[in-house]
Amino acid sequence: DTVPDGFPFSPPFDPPMEPEKRLAAGEEIKAKGNALFKEGKLDAAVLKYDKCLRYVDAYPPLDGDAARAGRLACHLNSGICHLKEGRQKQCVAACGRALEIDAGSVKGLFRKGCAHRQLGEYEMAIEALEKAAGLDGEDEAIKKELAKAEKELKKYRYGW
């Protein structure tokens, strides 16, 4: 992690950091990751999202809506970074972790579907994208990606 954010690699354990301070630190670190993402520094952003998760998940792991939302955002954001960098398997893994938190995450399903399609895993892509479309049937990007996956599956299976 080469971009300073004012926080150590992981939260202090002796004495332990108070839960509220860990959550606030995690939010600041995640915000730094978001800024890096906007600058196009995707690898550095992923490192910040991972660091935020270390703060939220340090023993004892934080619970509550804010911690859950932070975890979800970090996994989704890591997923898009990996997808943009051509690391589809890491994207699938990050989105899988996001979907463990919120099985109805349209972003998680869409990004996972995109990654599967790019890997040539068309059935898995279609499954994820159909779930995303079922949750947000108006999203044109989902419809477009689903159509691509279906076309590529036909081409793979039948040669046309």
N, C-alpha and C. Protein backbone atom coordinates (compact mmCIF):
# COMPACT_ATOMS: atom_id res chain seq x y z
N ASP A 1 0.86 -1.18 0.00
CA ASP A 1 0.00 0.00 0.00
C ASP A 1 0.90 1.24 0.00
N THR A 2 1.04 1.84 -1.16
CA THR A 2 1.98 2.95 -1.31
C THR A 2 1.35 4.32 -1.20
N VAL A 3 0.02 4.40 -1.13
CA VAL A 3 -0.65 5.69 -1.03
C VAL A 3 -1.03 5.92 0.43
N PRO A 4 -0.42 6.93 1.08
CA PRO A 4 -0.70 7.15 2.50
C PRO A 4 -2.16 7.54 2.76
N ASP A 5 -2.66 7.06 3.88
CA ASP A 5 -4.02 7.42 4.28
C ASP A 5 -4.10 7.76 5.77
N GLY A 6 -2.97 7.70 6.46
CA GLY A 6 -2.94 8.07 7.87
C GLY A 6 -3.27 6.95 8.84
N PHE A 7 -3.47 5.74 8.32
CA PHE A 7 -3.82 4.61 9.18
C PHE A 7 -2.80 3.50 9.00
N PRO A 8 -2.53 2.75 10.10
CA PRO A 8 -1.61 1.62 9.96
C PRO A 8 -2.22 0.52 9.08
N PHE A 9 -1.38 -0.44 8.69
CA PHE A 9 -1.79 -1.54 7.81
C PHE A 9 -3.06 -2.23 8.31
N SER A 10 -3.13 -2.46 9.61
CA SER A 10 -4.32 -3.05 10.23
C SER A 10 -4.58 -2.33 11.54
N PRO A 11 -5.80 -2.43 12.06
CA PRO A 11 -6.12 -1.71 13.30
C PRO A 11 -5.30 -2.24 14.48
N PRO A 12 -4.92 -1.36 15.38
CA PRO A 12 -4.15 -1.81 16.54
C PRO A 12 -4.96 -2.78 17.42
N PHE A 13 -4.26 -3.76 17.98
CA PHE A 13 -4.93 -4.76 18.83
C PHE A 13 -4.63 -4.56 20.30
N ASP A 14 -3.54 -3.87 20.63
CA ASP A 14 -3.16 -3.72 22.04
C ASP A 14 -2.73 -2.30 22.31
N PRO A 15 -3.59 -1.45 22.80
CA PRO A 15 -5.00 -1.71 23.10
C PRO A 15 -5.82 -1.74 21.81
N PRO A 16 -6.94 -2.46 21.85
CA PRO A 16 -7.75 -2.56 20.64
C PRO A 16 -8.40 -1.22 20.29
N MET A 17 -8.57 -1.00 19.02
CA MET A 17 -9.25 0.19 18.52
C MET A 17 -10.74 0.03 18.79
N GLU A 18 -11.37 1.09 19.25
CA GLU A 18 -12.81 1.03 19.53
C GLU A 18 -13.59 0.79 18.24
N PRO A 19 -14.68 0.02 18.31
CA PRO A 19 -15.45 -0.31 17.11
C PRO A 19 -15.87 0.91 16.28
N GLU A 20 -16.31 1.98 16.95
CA GLU A 20 -16.75 3.17 16.22
C GLU A 20 -15.59 3.79 15.46
N LYS A 21 -14.41 3.77 16.09
CA LYS A 21 -13.23 4.35 15.43
C LYS A 21 -12.77 3.47 14.27
N ARG A 22 -12.90 2.14 14.43
CA ARG A 22 -12.55 1.23 13.34
C ARG A 22 -13.46 1.46 12.14
N LEU A 23 -14.75 1.63 12.42
CA LEU A 23 -15.71 1.85 11.35
C LEU A 23 -15.42 3.18 10.64
N ALA A 24 -15.15 4.22 11.42
CA ALA A 24 -14.84 5.53 10.83
C ALA A 24 -13.55 5.46 10.02
N ALA A 25 -12.56 4.77 10.53
CA ALA A 25 -11.30 4.61 9.80
C ALA A 25 -11.54 3.85 8.50
N GLY A 26 -12.33 2.80 8.58
CA GLY A 26 -12.66 2.02 7.38
C GLY A 26 -13.34 2.88 6.33
N GLU A 27 -14.25 3.73 6.77
CA GLU A 27 -14.94 4.63 5.82
C GLU A 27 -13.97 5.60 5.17
N GLU A 28 -13.03 6.14 5.95
CA GLU A 28 -12.03 7.05 5.39
C GLU A 28 -11.14 6.34 4.39
N ILE A 29 -10.74 5.14 4.72
CA ILE A 29 -9.88 4.35 3.83
C ILE A 29 -10.62 4.02 2.54
N LYS A 30 -11.90 3.65 2.68
CA LYS A 30 -12.72 3.34 1.50
C LYS A 30 -12.86 4.58 0.62
N ALA A 31 -13.07 5.74 1.25
CA ALA A 31 -13.18 7.00 0.50
C ALA A 31 -11.89 7.28 -0.28
N LYS A 32 -10.75 6.97 0.33
CA LYS A 32 -9.47 7.14 -0.37
C LYS A 32 -9.41 6.20 -1.56
N GLY A 33 -9.90 4.98 -1.38
CA GLY A 33 -9.96 4.03 -2.50
C GLY A 33 -10.85 4.54 -3.62
N ASN A 34 -11.98 5.14 -3.26
CA ASN A 34 -12.89 5.69 -4.27
C ASN A 34 -12.21 6.82 -5.05
N ALA A 35 -11.44 7.66 -4.35
CA ALA A 35 -10.72 8.75 -5.02
C ALA A 35 -9.67 8.18 -5.98
N LEU A 36 -8.98 7.15 -5.55
CA LEU A 36 -7.98 6.51 -6.41
C LEU A 36 -8.65 5.89 -7.64
N PHE A 37 -9.81 5.29 -7.44
CA PHE A 37 -10.57 4.71 -8.55
C PHE A 37 -10.89 5.79 -9.58
N LYS A 38 -11.37 6.94 -9.11
CA LYS A 38 -11.72 8.04 -10.02
C LYS A 38 -10.51 8.56 -10.77
N GLU A 39 -9.33 8.44 -10.16
CA GLU A 39 -8.08 8.86 -10.81
C GLU A 39 -7.56 7.78 -11.77
N GLY A 40 -8.21 6.63 -11.80
CA GLY A 40 -7.78 5.54 -12.67
C GLY A 40 -6.68 4.69 -12.07
N LYS A 41 -6.40 4.87 -10.79
CA LYS A 41 -5.36 4.09 -10.09
C LYS A 41 -6.04 2.86 -9.46
N LEU A 42 -6.38 1.92 -10.31
CA LEU A 42 -7.23 0.81 -9.89
C LEU A 42 -6.54 -0.15 -8.93
N ASP A 43 -5.27 -0.45 -9.16
CA ASP A 43 -4.57 -1.36 -8.25
C ASP A 43 -4.45 -0.75 -6.86
N ALA A 44 -4.16 0.55 -6.79
CA ALA A 44 -4.06 1.23 -5.50
C ALA A 44 -5.43 1.27 -4.82
N ALA A 45 -6.49 1.44 -5.61
CA ALA A 45 -7.84 1.45 -5.05
C ALA A 45 -8.17 0.10 -4.41
N VAL A 46 -7.83 -0.99 -5.09
CA VAL A 46 -8.09 -2.33 -4.55
C VAL A 46 -7.39 -2.51 -3.21
N LEU A 47 -6.16 -2.02 -3.12
CA LEU A 47 -5.42 -2.13 -1.85
C LEU A 47 -6.15 -1.37 -0.73
N LYS A 48 -6.73 -0.24 -1.04
CA LYS A 48 -7.49 0.52 -0.03
C LYS A 48 -8.76 -0.23 0.36
N TYR A 49 -9.44 -0.81 -0.62
CA TYR A 49 -10.66 -1.57 -0.29
C TYR A 49 -10.31 -2.77 0.59
N ASP A 50 -9.19 -3.43 0.29
CA ASP A 50 -8.75 -4.55 1.13
C ASP A 50 -8.41 -4.08 2.54
N LYS A 51 -7.79 -2.92 2.62
CA LYS A 51 -7.42 -2.37 3.93
C LYS A 51 -8.68 -2.00 4.73
N CYS A 52 -9.65 -1.41 4.07
CA CYS A 52 -10.92 -1.10 4.74
C CYS A 52 -11.53 -2.37 5.32
N LEU A 53 -11.50 -3.44 4.55
CA LEU A 53 -12.05 -4.72 5.04
C LEU A 53 -11.28 -5.24 6.24
N ARG A 54 -9.96 -5.02 6.27
CA ARG A 54 -9.19 -5.43 7.45
C ARG A 54 -9.68 -4.70 8.69
N TYR A 55 -10.02 -3.44 8.56
CA TYR A 55 -10.51 -2.67 9.69
C TYR A 55 -11.90 -3.13 10.13
N VAL A 56 -12.77 -3.38 9.18
CA VAL A 56 -14.15 -3.78 9.51
C VAL A 56 -14.20 -5.22 10.02
N ASP A 57 -13.32 -6.07 9.50
CA ASP A 57 -13.39 -7.49 9.83
C ASP A 57 -12.43 -7.92 10.94
N ALA A 58 -11.60 -6.99 11.45
CA ALA A 58 -10.68 -7.34 12.54
C ALA A 58 -11.49 -7.85 13.73
N TYR A 59 -10.89 -8.76 14.50
CA TYR A 59 -11.61 -9.36 15.62
C TYR A 59 -11.89 -8.33 16.70
N PRO A 60 -13.10 -8.27 17.22
CA PRO A 60 -14.28 -8.93 16.69
C PRO A 60 -14.81 -8.17 15.48
N PRO A 61 -15.28 -8.88 14.45
CA PRO A 61 -15.79 -8.20 13.26
C PRO A 61 -16.95 -7.27 13.62
N LEU A 62 -16.99 -6.14 12.97
CA LEU A 62 -18.06 -5.18 13.22
C LEU A 62 -19.35 -5.69 12.60
N ASP A 63 -20.47 -5.39 13.26
CA ASP A 63 -21.75 -5.74 12.69
C ASP A 63 -22.59 -4.48 12.56
N GLY A 64 -23.79 -4.61 12.10
CA GLY A 64 -24.66 -3.47 11.90
C GLY A 64 -24.71 -3.08 10.43
N ASP A 65 -25.67 -2.23 10.13
CA ASP A 65 -25.92 -1.84 8.75
C ASP A 65 -24.74 -1.11 8.11
N ALA A 66 -24.10 -0.23 8.86
CA ALA A 66 -22.99 0.55 8.30
C ALA A 66 -21.81 -0.36 7.95
N ALA A 67 -21.48 -1.31 8.81
CA ALA A 67 -20.39 -2.23 8.54
C ALA A 67 -20.73 -3.13 7.36
N ARG A 68 -21.96 -3.59 7.31
CA ARG A 68 -22.41 -4.44 6.21
C ARG A 68 -22.34 -3.68 4.88
N ALA A 69 -22.80 -2.45 4.89
CA ALA A 69 -22.76 -1.62 3.67
C ALA A 69 -21.32 -1.35 3.24
N GLY A 70 -20.44 -1.13 4.20
CA GLY A 70 -19.03 -0.91 3.89
C GLY A 70 -18.39 -2.13 3.27
N ARG A 71 -18.67 -3.29 3.84
CA ARG A 71 -18.15 -4.55 3.28
C ARG A 71 -18.64 -4.74 1.85
N LEU A 72 -19.94 -4.57 1.66
CA LEU A 72 -20.54 -4.76 0.35
C LEU A 72 -19.90 -3.82 -0.68
N ALA A 73 -19.77 -2.55 -0.32
CA ALA A 73 -19.19 -1.57 -1.24
C ALA A 73 -17.74 -1.92 -1.58
N CYS A 74 -16.97 -2.34 -0.60
CA CYS A 74 -15.56 -2.69 -0.86
C CYS A 74 -15.45 -3.87 -1.82
N HIS A 75 -16.27 -4.89 -1.63
CA HIS A 75 -16.22 -6.05 -2.52
C HIS A 75 -16.68 -5.67 -3.94
N LEU A 76 -17.76 -4.89 -4.02
CA LEU A 76 -18.24 -4.47 -5.34
C LEU A 76 -17.21 -3.59 -6.04
N ASN A 77 -16.62 -2.67 -5.30
CA ASN A 77 -15.63 -1.76 -5.89
C ASN A 77 -14.38 -2.52 -6.32
N SER A 78 -13.95 -3.47 -5.51
CA SER A 78 -12.81 -4.30 -5.92
C SER A 78 -13.17 -5.06 -7.18
N GLY A 79 -14.39 -5.54 -7.26
CA GLY A 79 -14.84 -6.29 -8.43
C GLY A 79 -14.73 -5.47 -9.71
N ILE A 80 -15.18 -4.23 -9.67
CA ILE A 80 -15.12 -3.41 -10.89
C ILE A 80 -13.67 -3.08 -11.24
N CYS A 81 -12.84 -2.86 -10.23
CA CYS A 81 -11.42 -2.61 -10.50
C CYS A 81 -10.79 -3.80 -11.20
N HIS A 82 -11.04 -4.99 -10.68
CA HIS A 82 -10.49 -6.20 -11.28
C HIS A 82 -11.01 -6.38 -12.71
N LEU A 83 -12.29 -6.12 -12.92
CA LEU A 83 -12.88 -6.28 -14.25
C LEU A 83 -12.23 -5.32 -15.24
N LYS A 84 -12.06 -4.07 -14.83
CA LYS A 84 -11.44 -3.08 -15.71
C LYS A 84 -9.98 -3.40 -16.01
N GLU A 85 -9.32 -4.10 -15.10
CA GLU A 85 -7.91 -4.45 -15.28
C GLU A 85 -7.74 -5.81 -15.98
N GLY A 86 -8.86 -6.45 -16.35
CA GLY A 86 -8.78 -7.72 -17.05
C GLY A 86 -8.53 -8.92 -16.15
N ARG A 87 -8.78 -8.75 -14.87
CA ARG A 87 -8.61 -9.85 -13.92
C ARG A 87 -9.99 -10.43 -13.58
N GLN A 88 -10.53 -11.14 -14.56
CA GLN A 88 -11.91 -11.61 -14.43
C GLN A 88 -12.11 -12.58 -13.27
N LYS A 89 -11.15 -13.47 -13.03
CA LYS A 89 -11.33 -14.43 -11.94
C LYS A 89 -11.39 -13.72 -10.59
N GLN A 90 -10.56 -12.70 -10.41
CA GLN A 90 -10.60 -11.93 -9.17
C GLN A 90 -11.92 -11.16 -9.06
N CYS A 91 -12.43 -10.70 -10.21
CA CYS A 91 -13.73 -10.01 -10.22
C CYS A 91 -14.82 -10.98 -9.77
N VAL A 92 -14.82 -12.19 -10.32
CA VAL A 92 -15.83 -13.18 -9.94
C VAL A 92 -15.75 -13.44 -8.44
N ALA A 93 -14.55 -13.56 -7.91
CA ALA A 93 -14.38 -13.83 -6.47
C ALA A 93 -14.89 -12.66 -5.64
N ALA A 94 -14.52 -11.44 -6.01
CA ALA A 94 -14.95 -10.26 -5.25
C ALA A 94 -16.47 -10.11 -5.30
N CYS A 95 -17.05 -10.30 -6.47
CA CYS A 95 -18.50 -10.18 -6.58
C CYS A 95 -19.21 -11.32 -5.85
N GLY A 96 -18.58 -12.50 -5.82
CA GLY A 96 -19.14 -13.61 -5.05
C GLY A 96 -19.21 -13.27 -3.57
N ARG A 97 -18.16 -12.61 -3.06
CA ARG A 97 -18.17 -12.19 -1.65
C ARG A 97 -19.25 -11.13 -1.42
N ALA A 98 -19.42 -10.23 -2.39
CA ALA A 98 -20.48 -9.22 -2.27
C ALA A 98 -21.85 -9.89 -2.25
N LEU A 99 -22.03 -10.89 -3.09
CA LEU A 99 -23.33 -11.57 -3.16
C LEU A 99 -23.60 -12.42 -1.93
N GLU A 100 -22.57 -12.81 -1.20
CA GLU A 100 -22.78 -13.48 0.09
C GLU A 100 -23.39 -12.50 1.09
N ILE A 101 -23.06 -11.23 0.96
CA ILE A 101 -23.61 -10.20 1.84
C ILE A 101 -25.01 -9.80 1.39
N ASP A 102 -25.19 -9.63 0.08
CA ASP A 102 -26.48 -9.22 -0.48
C ASP A 102 -26.71 -9.98 -1.78
N ALA A 103 -27.46 -11.06 -1.69
CA ALA A 103 -27.70 -11.91 -2.86
C ALA A 103 -28.46 -11.17 -3.96
N GLY A 104 -29.09 -10.06 -3.63
CA GLY A 104 -29.86 -9.29 -4.60
C GLY A 104 -29.11 -8.07 -5.12
N SER A 105 -27.79 -8.07 -5.01
CA SER A 105 -27.01 -6.94 -5.50
C SER A 105 -26.95 -6.99 -7.03
N VAL A 106 -27.62 -6.05 -7.68
CA VAL A 106 -27.63 -6.01 -9.13
C VAL A 106 -26.23 -5.75 -9.66
N LYS A 107 -25.50 -4.84 -9.01
CA LYS A 107 -24.12 -4.56 -9.43
C LYS A 107 -23.25 -5.82 -9.34
N GLY A 108 -23.39 -6.55 -8.25
CA GLY A 108 -22.60 -7.76 -8.06
C GLY A 108 -22.92 -8.80 -9.13
N LEU A 109 -24.20 -9.00 -9.39
CA LEU A 109 -24.61 -9.97 -10.41
C LEU A 109 -24.15 -9.54 -11.80
N PHE A 110 -24.30 -8.26 -12.10
CA PHE A 110 -23.91 -7.75 -13.42
C PHE A 110 -22.40 -7.91 -13.63
N ARG A 111 -21.62 -7.46 -12.68
CA ARG A 111 -20.16 -7.53 -12.82
C ARG A 111 -19.67 -8.97 -12.87
N LYS A 112 -20.28 -9.82 -12.07
CA LYS A 112 -19.93 -11.24 -12.09
C LYS A 112 -20.28 -11.84 -13.45
N GLY A 113 -21.44 -11.48 -13.98
CA GLY A 113 -21.85 -11.96 -15.30
C GLY A 113 -20.91 -11.49 -16.40
N CYS A 114 -20.50 -10.23 -16.34
CA CYS A 114 -19.54 -9.70 -17.33
C CYS A 114 -18.23 -10.48 -17.29
N ALA A 115 -17.74 -10.73 -16.09
CA ALA A 115 -16.48 -11.44 -15.93
C ALA A 115 -16.59 -12.87 -16.46
N HIS A 116 -17.68 -13.54 -16.12
CA HIS A 116 -17.87 -14.91 -16.62
C HIS A 116 -17.92 -14.93 -18.15
N ARG A 117 -18.61 -13.95 -18.75
CA ARG A 117 -18.68 -13.90 -20.21
C ARG A 117 -17.29 -13.72 -20.81
N GLN A 118 -16.50 -12.83 -20.22
CA GLN A 118 -15.16 -12.58 -20.73
C GLN A 118 -14.26 -13.81 -20.57
N LEU A 119 -14.56 -14.63 -19.59
CA LEU A 119 -13.80 -15.88 -19.38
C LEU A 119 -14.28 -17.01 -20.29
N GLY A 120 -15.37 -16.77 -21.02
CA GLY A 120 -15.93 -17.82 -21.86
C GLY A 120 -16.82 -18.78 -21.09
N GLU A 121 -17.21 -18.40 -19.90
CA GLU A 121 -18.09 -19.22 -19.05
C GLU A 121 -19.52 -18.71 -19.26
N TYR A 122 -20.04 -19.02 -20.44
CA TYR A 122 -21.28 -18.39 -20.89
C TYR A 122 -22.50 -18.77 -20.07
N GLU A 123 -22.61 -20.05 -19.68
CA GLU A 123 -23.78 -20.45 -18.89
C GLU A 123 -23.82 -19.71 -17.55
N MET A 124 -22.65 -19.60 -16.91
CA MET A 124 -22.59 -18.89 -15.62
C MET A 124 -22.86 -17.40 -15.82
N ALA A 125 -22.39 -16.85 -16.95
CA ALA A 125 -22.65 -15.45 -17.25
C ALA A 125 -24.15 -15.22 -17.41
N ILE A 126 -24.79 -16.08 -18.19
CA ILE A 126 -26.22 -15.95 -18.44
C ILE A 126 -27.01 -16.08 -17.14
N GLU A 127 -26.62 -17.01 -16.30
CA GLU A 127 -27.31 -17.20 -15.01
C GLU A 127 -27.24 -15.91 -14.17
N ALA A 128 -26.05 -15.35 -14.04
CA ALA A 128 -25.89 -14.13 -13.24
C ALA A 128 -26.63 -12.96 -13.86
N LEU A 129 -26.52 -12.83 -15.18
CA LEU A 129 -27.15 -11.69 -15.86
C LEU A 129 -28.68 -11.81 -15.88
N GLU A 130 -29.20 -13.02 -15.97
CA GLU A 130 -30.66 -13.20 -15.89
C GLU A 130 -31.18 -12.82 -14.51
N LYS A 131 -30.41 -13.17 -13.47
CA LYS A 131 -30.81 -12.75 -12.11
C LYS A 131 -30.79 -11.24 -11.99
N ALA A 132 -29.75 -10.61 -12.54
CA ALA A 132 -29.66 -9.14 -12.50
C ALA A 132 -30.82 -8.53 -13.26
N ALA A 133 -31.14 -9.06 -14.43
CA ALA A 133 -32.25 -8.55 -15.23
C ALA A 133 -33.58 -8.73 -14.51
N GLY A 134 -33.72 -9.83 -13.78
CA GLY A 134 -34.94 -10.05 -13.01
C GLY A 134 -35.12 -9.03 -11.89
N LEU A 135 -34.02 -8.50 -11.41
CA LEU A 135 -34.08 -7.50 -10.34
C LEU A 135 -34.18 -6.07 -10.88
N ASP A 136 -33.63 -5.85 -12.09
CA ASP A 136 -33.67 -4.53 -12.71
C ASP A 136 -33.83 -4.72 -14.21
N GLY A 137 -35.06 -4.96 -14.62
CA GLY A 137 -35.36 -5.25 -16.02
C GLY A 137 -35.24 -4.07 -16.95
N GLU A 138 -35.05 -2.87 -16.42
CA GLU A 138 -34.95 -1.67 -17.26
C GLU A 138 -33.52 -1.31 -17.61
N ASP A 139 -32.55 -1.94 -16.99
CA ASP A 139 -31.14 -1.57 -17.18
C ASP A 139 -30.66 -2.05 -18.55
N GLU A 140 -30.33 -1.09 -19.42
CA GLU A 140 -29.91 -1.42 -20.78
C GLU A 140 -28.57 -2.14 -20.82
N ALA A 141 -27.66 -1.80 -19.91
CA ALA A 141 -26.35 -2.46 -19.89
C ALA A 141 -26.51 -3.95 -19.59
N ILE A 142 -27.42 -4.28 -18.69
CA ILE A 142 -27.66 -5.69 -18.36
C ILE A 142 -28.23 -6.41 -19.57
N LYS A 143 -29.22 -5.80 -20.22
CA LYS A 143 -29.82 -6.41 -21.41
C LYS A 143 -28.77 -6.64 -22.50
N LYS A 144 -27.92 -5.66 -22.71
CA LYS A 144 -26.90 -5.74 -23.75
C LYS A 144 -25.89 -6.85 -23.43
N GLU A 145 -25.45 -6.92 -22.18
CA GLU A 145 -24.47 -7.94 -21.79
C GLU A 145 -25.09 -9.33 -21.86
N LEU A 146 -26.34 -9.46 -21.47
CA LEU A 146 -27.04 -10.75 -21.54
C LEU A 146 -27.16 -11.20 -23.00
N ALA A 147 -27.50 -10.28 -23.89
CA ALA A 147 -27.60 -10.62 -25.30
C ALA A 147 -26.24 -11.07 -25.85
N LYS A 148 -25.17 -10.40 -25.46
CA LYS A 148 -23.82 -10.80 -25.89
C LYS A 148 -23.50 -12.21 -25.41
N ALA A 149 -23.80 -12.49 -24.14
CA ALA A 149 -23.50 -13.81 -23.58
C ALA A 149 -24.29 -14.90 -24.30
N GLU A 150 -25.56 -14.63 -24.57
CA GLU A 150 -26.40 -15.61 -25.27
C GLU A 150 -25.89 -15.84 -26.69
N LYS A 151 -25.50 -14.77 -27.39
CA LYS A 151 -24.97 -14.89 -28.75
C LYS A 151 -23.66 -15.67 -28.75
N GLU A 152 -22.78 -15.36 -27.80
CA GLU A 152 -21.49 -16.06 -27.74
C GLU A 152 -21.65 -17.53 -27.37
N LEU A 153 -22.65 -17.84 -26.54
CA LEU A 153 -22.92 -19.23 -26.20
C LEU A 153 -23.37 -19.99 -27.44
N LYS A 154 -24.27 -19.40 -28.22
CA LYS A 154 -24.74 -20.05 -29.46
C LYS A 154 -23.57 -20.26 -30.41
N LYS A 155 -22.72 -19.25 -30.56
CA LYS A 155 -21.57 -19.37 -31.44
C LYS A 155 -20.63 -20.47 -30.96
N TYR A 156 -20.44 -20.55 -29.65
CA TYR A 156 -19.57 -21.57 -29.08
C TYR A 156 -20.14 -22.97 -29.30
N ARG A 157 -21.45 -23.11 -29.07
CA ARG A 157 -22.09 -24.42 -29.18
C ARG A 157 -22.30 -24.87 -30.64
N TYR A 158 -22.76 -23.92 -31.46
CA TYR A 158 -23.22 -24.29 -32.80
C TYR A 158 -22.36 -23.73 -33.93
N GLY A 159 -21.43 -22.86 -33.59
CA GLY A 159 -20.56 -22.28 -34.60
C GLY A 159 -21.20 -21.15 -35.39
N TRP A 160 -22.34 -20.64 -34.92
CA TRP A 160 -22.99 -19.52 -35.61
C TRP A 160 -23.48 -18.50 -34.66
